């Protein structure tokens, strides 16, 4: 059985079980749910694609020893460390 044959068989079975009016209503709900799912999926994909664009590229991640010493004197890195109880 191919995909088209299976879909046709399901539609015929739906007609027999639900009737033409009810099958039409059910298919409308299924189509609406599928459209909402695809819309949400596109939204998530676009947000994920835009995420790296929002990250600044000029952020310095490596420091020399002199810069680390200077930051330490200013209290910079210590602000990131958890406080230790005295």
PDB file of N, CA and C in Angstrom:
ATOM      1  N   UNK A   1       0.838  -1.190   0.000  1.00  0.00           N
ATOM      2  CA  UNK A   1       0.000   0.000   0.000  1.00  0.00           C
ATOM      3  C   UNK A   1       0.875   1.242   0.000  1.00  0.00           C
ATOM      4  N   UNK A   2       0.561   2.166  -0.865  1.00  0.00           N
ATOM      5  CA  UNK A   2       1.284   3.425  -0.908  1.00  0.00           C
ATOM      6  C   UNK A   2       0.641   4.441   0.024  1.00  0.00           C
ATOM      7  N   UNK A   3       1.280   5.582   0.138  1.00  0.00           N
ATOM      8  CA  UNK A   3       0.780   6.631   1.027  1.00  0.00           C
ATOM      9  C   UNK A   3      -0.591   7.134   0.584  1.00  0.00           C
ATOM     10  N   UNK A   4      -0.782   7.316  -0.718  1.00  0.00           N
ATOM     11  CA  UNK A   4      -2.063   7.795  -1.241  1.00  0.00           C
ATOM     12  C   UNK A   4      -3.191   6.807  -0.982  1.00  0.00           C
ATOM     13  N   UNK A   5      -2.880   5.528  -1.083  1.00  0.00           N
ATOM     14  CA  UNK A   5      -3.886   4.493  -0.825  1.00  0.00           C
ATOM     15  C   UNK A   5      -4.297   4.484   0.636  1.00  0.00           C
ATOM     16  N   UNK A   6      -3.315   4.665   1.528  1.00  0.00           N
ATOM     17  CA  UNK A   6      -3.616   4.687   2.964  1.00  0.00           C
ATOM     18  C   UNK A   6      -4.487   5.882   3.335  1.00  0.00           C
ATOM     19  N   UNK A   7      -4.194   7.044   2.750  1.00  0.00           N
ATOM     20  CA  UNK A   7      -4.993   8.248   3.026  1.00  0.00           C
ATOM     21  C   UNK A   7      -6.417   8.047   2.521  1.00  0.00           C
ATOM     22  N   UNK A   8      -6.548   7.510   1.325  1.00  0.00           N
ATOM     23  CA  UNK A   8      -7.875   7.256   0.760  1.00  0.00           C
ATOM     24  C   UNK A   8      -8.659   6.283   1.638  1.00  0.00           C
ATOM     25  N   UNK A   9      -8.012   5.235   2.104  1.00  0.00           N
ATOM     26  CA  UNK A   9      -8.656   4.264   2.976  1.00  0.00           C
ATOM     27  C   UNK A   9      -9.092   4.922   4.299  1.00  0.00           C
ATOM     28  N   UNK A  10      -8.268   5.803   4.846  1.00  0.00           N
ATOM     29  CA  UNK A  10      -8.630   6.481   6.102  1.00  0.00           C
ATOM     30  C   UNK A  10      -9.816   7.423   5.893  1.00  0.00           C
ATOM     31  N   UNK A  11      -9.867   8.111   4.754  1.00  0.00           N
ATOM     32  CA  UNK A  11     -10.990   9.009   4.467  1.00  0.00           C
ATOM     33  C   UNK A  11     -12.279   8.208   4.320  1.00  0.00           C
ATOM     34  N   UNK A  12     -12.227   7.095   3.623  1.00  0.00           N
ATOM     35  CA  UNK A  12     -13.420   6.250   3.461  1.00  0.00           C
ATOM     36  C   UNK A  12     -13.864   5.712   4.818  1.00  0.00           C
ATOM     37  N   UNK A  13     -12.914   5.268   5.635  1.00  0.00           N
ATOM     38  CA  UNK A  13     -13.244   4.780   6.976  1.00  0.00           C
ATOM     39  C   UNK A  13     -13.846   5.900   7.827  1.00  0.00           C
ATOM     40  N   UNK A  14     -13.290   7.101   7.691  1.00  0.00           N
ATOM     41  CA  UNK A  14     -13.842   8.251   8.410  1.00  0.00           C
ATOM     42  C   UNK A  14     -15.250   8.580   7.977  1.00  0.00           C
ATOM     43  N   UNK A  15     -15.526   8.493   6.700  1.00  0.00           N
ATOM     44  CA  UNK A  15     -16.883   8.723   6.191  1.00  0.00           C
ATOM     45  C   UNK A  15     -17.860   7.711   6.755  1.00  0.00           C
ATOM     46  N   UNK A  16     -17.448   6.454   6.819  1.00  0.00           N
ATOM     47  CA  UNK A  16     -18.323   5.405   7.335  1.00  0.00           C
ATOM     48  C   UNK A  16     -18.584   5.605   8.825  1.00  0.00           C
ATOM     49  N   UNK A  17     -17.541   5.911   9.588  1.00  0.00           N
ATOM     50  CA  UNK A  17     -17.666   6.016  11.051  1.00  0.00           C
ATOM     51  C   UNK A  17     -18.318   7.338  11.461  1.00  0.00           C
ATOM     52  N   UNK A  18     -17.846   8.463  10.886  1.00  0.00           N
ATOM     53  CA  UNK A  18     -18.311   9.777  11.347  1.00  0.00           C
ATOM     54  C   UNK A  18     -19.438  10.357  10.509  1.00  0.00           C
ATOM     55  N   UNK A  19     -19.520  10.001   9.275  1.00  0.00           N
ATOM     56  CA  UNK A  19     -20.502  10.620   8.387  1.00  0.00           C
ATOM     57  C   UNK A  19     -19.881  11.840   7.732  1.00  0.00           C
ATOM     58  N   UNK A  20     -20.493  12.324   6.641  1.00  0.00           N
ATOM     59  CA  UNK A  20     -19.871  13.410   5.872  1.00  0.00           C
ATOM     60  C   UNK A  20     -19.770  14.737   6.626  1.00  0.00           C
ATOM     61  N   UNK A  21     -20.810  15.108   7.392  1.00  0.00           N
ATOM     62  CA  UNK A  21     -20.769  16.400   8.093  1.00  0.00           C
ATOM     63  C   UNK A  21     -19.749  16.381   9.231  1.00  0.00           C
ATOM     64  N   UNK A  22     -19.758  15.320   9.985  1.00  0.00           N
ATOM     65  CA  UNK A  22     -18.840  15.233  11.123  1.00  0.00           C
ATOM     66  C   UNK A  22     -17.403  15.075  10.649  1.00  0.00           C
ATOM     67  N   UNK A  23     -17.170  14.324   9.581  1.00  0.00           N
ATOM     68  CA  UNK A  23     -15.829  14.159   9.034  1.00  0.00           C
ATOM     69  C   UNK A  23     -15.285  15.514   8.567  1.00  0.00           C
ATOM     70  N   UNK A  24     -16.134  16.299   7.935  1.00  0.00           N
ATOM     71  CA  UNK A  24     -15.731  17.630   7.476  1.00  0.00           C
ATOM     72  C   UNK A  24     -15.301  18.490   8.662  1.00  0.00           C
ATOM     73  N   UNK A  25     -16.055  18.471   9.746  1.00  0.00           N
ATOM     74  CA  UNK A  25     -15.729  19.247  10.949  1.00  0.00           C
ATOM     75  C   UNK A  25     -14.416  18.770  11.565  1.00  0.00           C
ATOM     76  N   UNK A  26     -14.235  17.462  11.652  1.00  0.00           N
ATOM     77  CA  UNK A  26     -13.013  16.903  12.233  1.00  0.00           C
ATOM     78  C   UNK A  26     -11.808  17.288  11.384  1.00  0.00           C
ATOM     79  N   UNK A  27     -11.944  17.206  10.056  1.00  0.00           N
ATOM     80  CA  UNK A  27     -10.839  17.563   9.171  1.00  0.00           C
ATOM     81  C   UNK A  27     -10.507  19.052   9.269  1.00  0.00           C
ATOM     82  N   UNK A  28     -11.525  19.900   9.486  1.00  0.00           N
ATOM     83  CA  UNK A  28     -11.264  21.326   9.682  1.00  0.00           C
ATOM     84  C   UNK A  28     -10.436  21.553  10.945  1.00  0.00           C
ATOM     85  N   UNK A  29     -10.799  20.868  12.020  1.00  0.00           N
ATOM     86  CA  UNK A  29     -10.050  20.998  13.273  1.00  0.00           C
ATOM     87  C   UNK A  29      -8.616  20.496  13.112  1.00  0.00           C
ATOM     88  N   UNK A  30      -8.459  19.381  12.430  1.00  0.00           N
ATOM     89  CA  UNK A  30      -7.117  18.828  12.202  1.00  0.00           C
ATOM     90  C   UNK A  30      -6.286  19.807  11.377  1.00  0.00           C
ATOM     91  N   UNK A  31      -6.876  20.388  10.336  1.00  0.00           N
ATOM     92  CA  UNK A  31      -6.152  21.340   9.495  1.00  0.00           C
ATOM     93  C   UNK A  31      -5.764  22.585  10.293  1.00  0.00           C
ATOM     94  N   UNK A  32      -6.662  23.066  11.150  1.00  0.00           N
ATOM     95  CA  UNK A  32      -6.376  24.246  11.969  1.00  0.00           C
ATOM     96  C   UNK A  32      -5.244  23.957  12.960  1.00  0.00           C
ATOM     97  N   UNK A  33      -5.289  22.793  13.586  1.00  0.00           N
ATOM     98  CA  UNK A  33      -4.243  22.411  14.538  1.00  0.00           C
ATOM     99  C   UNK A  33      -2.901  22.281  13.821  1.00  0.00           C
ATOM    100  N   UNK A  34      -2.921  21.681  12.644  1.00  0.00           N
ATOM    101  CA  UNK A  34      -1.674  21.527  11.876  1.00  0.00           C
ATOM    102  C   UNK A  34      -1.112  22.888  11.481  1.00  0.00           C
ATOM    103  N   UNK A  35      -1.969  23.815  11.059  1.00  0.00           N
ATOM    104  CA  UNK A  35      -1.516  25.159  10.686  1.00  0.00           C
ATOM    105  C   UNK A  35      -0.925  25.883  11.892  1.00  0.00           C
ATOM    106  N   UNK A  36      -1.583  25.751  13.058  1.00  0.00           N
ATOM    107  CA  UNK A  36      -1.056  26.372  14.276  1.00  0.00           C
ATOM    108  C   UNK A  36       0.301  25.785  14.657  1.00  0.00           C
ATOM    109  N   UNK A  37       0.438  24.487  14.514  1.00  0.00           N
ATOM    110  CA  UNK A  37       1.707  23.824  14.823  1.00  0.00           C
ATOM    111  C   UNK A  37       2.813  24.302  13.885  1.00  0.00           C
ATOM    112  N   UNK A  38       2.515  24.398  12.597  1.00  0.00           N
ATOM    113  CA  UNK A  38       3.510  24.860  11.640  1.00  0.00           C
ATOM    114  C   UNK A  38       3.885  26.320  11.900  1.00  0.00           C
ATOM    115  N   UNK A  39       2.906  27.146  12.283  1.00  0.00           N
ATOM    116  CA  UNK A  39       3.177  28.543  12.593  1.00  0.00           C
ATOM    117  C   UNK A  39       4.095  28.645  13.814  1.00  0.00           C
ATOM    118  N   UNK A  40       3.812  27.860  14.849  1.00  0.00           N
ATOM    119  CA  UNK A  40       4.662  27.861  16.037  1.00  0.00           C
ATOM    120  C   UNK A  40       6.057  27.345  15.712  1.00  0.00           C
ATOM    121  N   UNK A  41       6.127  26.339  14.877  1.00  0.00           N
ATOM    122  CA  UNK A  41       7.417  25.778  14.477  1.00  0.00           C
ATOM    123  C   UNK A  41       8.248  26.813  13.717  1.00  0.00           C
ATOM    124  N   UNK A  42       7.617  27.534  12.789  1.00  0.00           N
ATOM    125  CA  UNK A  42       8.328  28.585  12.052  1.00  0.00           C
ATOM    126  C   UNK A  42       8.791  29.689  12.994  1.00  0.00           C
ATOM    127  N   UNK A  43       7.951  30.037  13.958  1.00  0.00           N
ATOM    128  CA  UNK A  43       8.304  31.080  14.915  1.00  0.00           C
ATOM    129  C   UNK A  43       9.525  30.679  15.745  1.00  0.00           C
ATOM    130  N   UNK A  44       9.528  29.447  16.215  1.00  0.00           N
ATOM    131  CA  UNK A  44      10.665  28.962  17.006  1.00  0.00           C
ATOM    132  C   UNK A  44      11.922  28.915  16.147  1.00  0.00           C
ATOM    133  N   UNK A  45      11.802  28.450  14.904  1.00  0.00           N
ATOM    134  CA  UNK A  45      12.959  28.394  14.020  1.00  0.00           C
ATOM    135  C   UNK A  45      13.517  29.788  13.752  1.00  0.00           C
ATOM    136  N   UNK A  46      12.642  30.767  13.546  1.00  0.00           N
ATOM    137  CA  UNK A  46      13.123  32.127  13.277  1.00  0.00           C
ATOM    138  C   UNK A  46      13.773  32.721  14.525  1.00  0.00           C
ATOM    139  N   UNK A  47      13.246  32.411  15.708  1.00  0.00           N
ATOM    140  CA  UNK A  47      13.864  32.901  16.940  1.00  0.00           C
ATOM    141  C   UNK A  47      15.237  32.274  17.136  1.00  0.00           C
ATOM    142  N   UNK A  48      15.356  30.993  16.853  1.00  0.00           N
ATOM    143  CA  UNK A  48      16.649  30.326  16.987  1.00  0.00           C
ATOM    144  C   UNK A  48      17.647  30.844  15.954  1.00  0.00           C
ATOM    145  N   UNK A  49      17.176  31.158  14.772  1.00  0.00           N
ATOM    146  CA  UNK A  49      18.062  31.697  13.751  1.00  0.00           C
ATOM    147  C   UNK A  49      18.504  33.116  14.099  1.00  0.00           C
ATOM    148  N   UNK A  50      17.645  33.884  14.739  1.00  0.00           N
ATOM    149  CA  UNK A  50      17.968  35.266  15.105  1.00  0.00           C
ATOM    150  C   UNK A  50      18.812  35.324  16.370  1.00  0.00           C
ATOM    151  N   UNK A  51      18.818  34.291  17.162  1.00  0.00           N
ATOM    152  CA  UNK A  51      19.540  34.288  18.439  1.00  0.00           C
ATOM    153  C   UNK A  51      21.029  34.594  18.275  1.00  0.00           C
ATOM    154  N   UNK A  52      21.760  33.919  17.396  1.00  0.00           N
ATOM    155  CA  UNK A  52      23.192  34.238  17.269  1.00  0.00           C
ATOM    156  C   UNK A  52      23.444  35.650  16.761  1.00  0.00           C
ATOM    157  N   UNK A  53      22.500  36.210  16.014  1.00  0.00           N
ATOM    158  CA  UNK A  53      22.669  37.562  15.506  1.00  0.00           C
ATOM    159  C   UNK A  53      22.637  38.588  16.631  1.00  0.00           C
ATOM    160  N   UNK A  54      21.938  38.293  17.716  1.00  0.00           N
ATOM    161  CA  UNK A  54      21.835  39.227  18.833  1.00  0.00           C
ATOM    162  C   UNK A  54      23.034  39.194  19.755  1.00  0.00           C
ATOM    163  N   UNK A  55      23.895  38.207  19.620  1.00  0.00           N
ATOM    164  CA  UNK A  55      25.069  38.099  20.477  1.00  0.00           C
ATOM    165  C   UNK A  55      26.154  39.004  19.921  1.00  0.00           C
ATOM    166  N   UNK A  56      26.706  39.885  20.762  1.00  0.00           N
ATOM    167  CA  UNK A  56      27.762  40.772  20.262  1.00  0.00           C
ATOM    168  C   UNK A  56      29.017  39.973  19.904  1.00  0.00           C
ATOM    169  N   UNK A  57      29.626  40.326  18.789  1.00  0.00           N
ATOM    170  CA  UNK A  57      30.808  39.606  18.320  1.00  0.00           C
ATOM    171  C   UNK A  57      32.096  40.194  18.886  1.00  0.00           C
ATOM    172  N   UNK A  58      32.016  41.382  19.469  1.00  0.00           N
ATOM    173  CA  UNK A  58      33.226  42.039  19.934  1.00  0.00           C
ATOM    174  C   UNK A  58      33.456  41.837  21.434  1.00  0.00           C
ATOM    175  N   UNK A  59      32.827  40.859  22.028  1.00  0.00           N
ATOM    176  CA  UNK A  59      33.004  40.581  23.443  1.00  0.00           C
ATOM    177  C   UNK A  59      34.334  39.866  23.630  1.00  0.00           C
ATOM    178  N   UNK A  60      35.139  40.396  24.531  1.00  0.00           N
ATOM    179  CA  UNK A  60      36.453  39.810  24.763  1.00  0.00           C
ATOM    180  C   UNK A  60      36.320  38.662  25.748  1.00  0.00           C
ATOM    181  N   UNK A  61      36.815  37.493  25.375  1.00  0.00           N
ATOM    182  CA  UNK A  61      36.683  36.326  26.241  1.00  0.00           C
ATOM    183  C   UNK A  61      38.006  35.876  26.834  1.00  0.00           C
ATOM    184  N   UNK A  62      39.119  36.339  26.267  1.00  0.00           N
ATOM    185  CA  UNK A  62      40.422  35.967  26.798  1.00  0.00           C
ATOM    186  C   UNK A  62      41.146  37.221  27.252  1.00  0.00           C
ATOM    187  N   UNK A  63      41.811  37.129  28.392  1.00  0.00           N
ATOM    188  CA  UNK A  63      42.516  38.264  28.964  1.00  0.00           C
ATOM    189  C   UNK A  63      43.969  37.891  29.218  1.00  0.00           C
ATOM    190  N   UNK A  64      44.830  38.889  29.131  1.00  0.00           N
ATOM    191  CA  UNK A  64      46.235  38.666  29.475  1.00  0.00           C
ATOM    192  C   UNK A  64      46.369  38.667  30.991  1.00  0.00           C
ATOM    193  N   UNK A  65      47.537  38.262  31.491  1.00  0.00           N
ATOM    194  CA  UNK A  65      47.771  38.244  32.935  1.00  0.00           C
ATOM    195  C   UNK A  65      47.655  39.640  33.523  1.00  0.00           C
ATOM    196  N   UNK A  66      48.145  40.642  32.803  1.00  0.00           N
ATOM    197  CA  UNK A  66      48.070  42.022  33.305  1.00  0.00           C
ATOM    198  C   UNK A  66      46.613  42.481  33.406  1.00  0.00           C
ATOM    199  N   UNK A  67      45.813  42.131  32.402  1.00  0.00           N
ATOM    200  CA  UNK A  67      44.405  42.519  32.425  1.00  0.00           C
ATOM    201  C   UNK A  67      43.659  41.810  33.559  1.00  0.00           C
ATOM    202  N   UNK A  68      43.976  40.547  33.790  1.00  0.00           N
ATOM    203  CA  UNK A  68      43.335  39.813  34.891  1.00  0.00           C
ATOM    204  C   UNK A  68      43.712  40.422  36.231  1.00  0.00           C
ATOM    205  N   UNK A  69      44.973  40.801  36.396  1.00  0.00           N
ATOM    206  CA  UNK A  69      45.417  41.427  37.634  1.00  0.00           C
ATOM    207  C   UNK A  69      44.691  42.742  37.841  1.00  0.00           C
ATOM    208  N   UNK A  70      44.567  43.523  36.769  1.00  0.00           N
ATOM    209  CA  UNK A  70      43.861  44.799  36.853  1.00  0.00           C
ATOM    210  C   UNK A  70      42.386  44.587  37.210  1.00  0.00           C
ATOM    211  N   UNK A  71      41.765  43.604  36.575  1.00  0.00           N
ATOM    212  CA  UNK A  71      40.357  43.309  36.895  1.00  0.00           C
ATOM    213  C   UNK A  71      40.205  42.852  38.337  1.00  0.00           C
ATOM    214  N   UNK A  72      41.157  42.063  38.791  1.00  0.00           N
ATOM    215  CA  UNK A  72      41.089  41.565  40.158  1.00  0.00           C
ATOM    216  C   UNK A  72      41.208  42.714  41.156  1.00  0.00           C
ATOM    217  N   UNK A  73      42.080  43.663  40.871  1.00  0.00           N
ATOM    218  CA  UNK A  73      42.246  44.824  41.755  1.00  0.00           C
ATOM    219  C   UNK A  73      40.970  45.663  41.796  1.00  0.00           C
ATOM    220  N   UNK A  74      40.279  45.712  40.671  1.00  0.00           N
ATOM    221  CA  UNK A  74      39.051  46.511  40.601  1.00  0.00           C
ATOM    222  C   UNK A  74      37.851  45.759  41.169  1.00  0.00           C
ATOM    223  N   UNK A  75      38.018  44.487  41.485  1.00  0.00           N
ATOM    224  CA  UNK A  75      36.917  43.700  42.026  1.00  0.00           C
ATOM    225  C   UNK A  75      36.063  43.056  40.956  1.00  0.00           C
ATOM    226  N   UNK A  76      36.500  43.110  39.694  1.00  0.00           N
ATOM    227  CA  UNK A  76      35.719  42.564  38.586  1.00  0.00           C
ATOM    228  C   UNK A  76      35.448  41.081  38.694  1.00  0.00           C
ATOM    229  N   UNK A  77      36.487  40.231  38.640  1.00  0.00           N
ATOM    230  CA  UNK A  77      36.224  38.795  38.672  1.00  0.00           C
ATOM    231  C   UNK A  77      35.628  38.325  39.986  1.00  0.00           C
ATOM    232  N   UNK A  78      35.962  39.021  41.076  1.00  0.00           N
ATOM    233  CA  UNK A  78      35.436  38.574  42.364  1.00  0.00           C
ATOM    234  C   UNK A  78      33.926  38.741  42.435  1.00  0.00           C
ATOM    235  N   UNK A  79      33.393  39.619  41.599  1.00  0.00           N
ATOM    236  CA  UNK A  79      31.940  39.792  41.583  1.00  0.00           C
ATOM    237  C   UNK A  79      31.269  38.562  40.980  1.00  0.00           C
ATOM    238  N   UNK A  80      31.986  37.834  40.145  1.00  0.00           N
ATOM    239  CA  UNK A  80      31.415  36.671  39.497  1.00  0.00           C
ATOM    240  C   UNK A  80      31.541  35.407  40.348  1.00  0.00           C
ATOM    241  N   UNK A  81      32.450  35.428  41.307  1.00  0.00           N
ATOM    242  CA  UNK A  81      32.668  34.249  42.146  1.00  0.00           C
ATOM    243  C   UNK A  81      31.613  34.195  43.245  1.00  0.00           C
ATOM    244  N   UNK A  82      31.211  33.005  43.673  1.00  0.00           N
ATOM    245  CA  UNK A  82      30.255  32.908  44.767  1.00  0.00           C
ATOM    246  C   UNK A  82      30.898  33.378  46.079  1.00  0.00           C
ATOM    247  N   UNK A  83      30.092  33.973  46.897  1.00  0.00           N
ATOM    248  CA  UNK A  83      30.618  34.473  48.167  1.00  0.00           C
ATOM    249  C   UNK A  83      30.885  33.296  49.103  1.00  0.00           C
ATOM    250  N   UNK A  84      32.003  33.383  49.826  1.00  0.00           N
ATOM    251  CA  UNK A  84      32.350  32.343  50.778  1.00  0.00           C
ATOM    252  C   UNK A  84      32.005  32.811  52.181  1.00  0.00           C
ATOM    253  N   UNK A  85      31.418  31.954  52.995  1.00  0.00           N
ATOM    254  CA  UNK A  85      31.081  32.359  54.356  1.00  0.00           C
ATOM    255  C   UNK A  85      32.348  32.546  55.170  1.00  0.00           C
ATOM    256  N   UNK A  86      32.359  33.557  56.025  1.00  0.00           N
ATOM    257  CA  UNK A  86      33.537  33.836  56.847  1.00  0.00           C
ATOM    258  C   UNK A  86      33.424  33.211  58.213  1.00  0.00           C
TER     259      UNK A  86
END
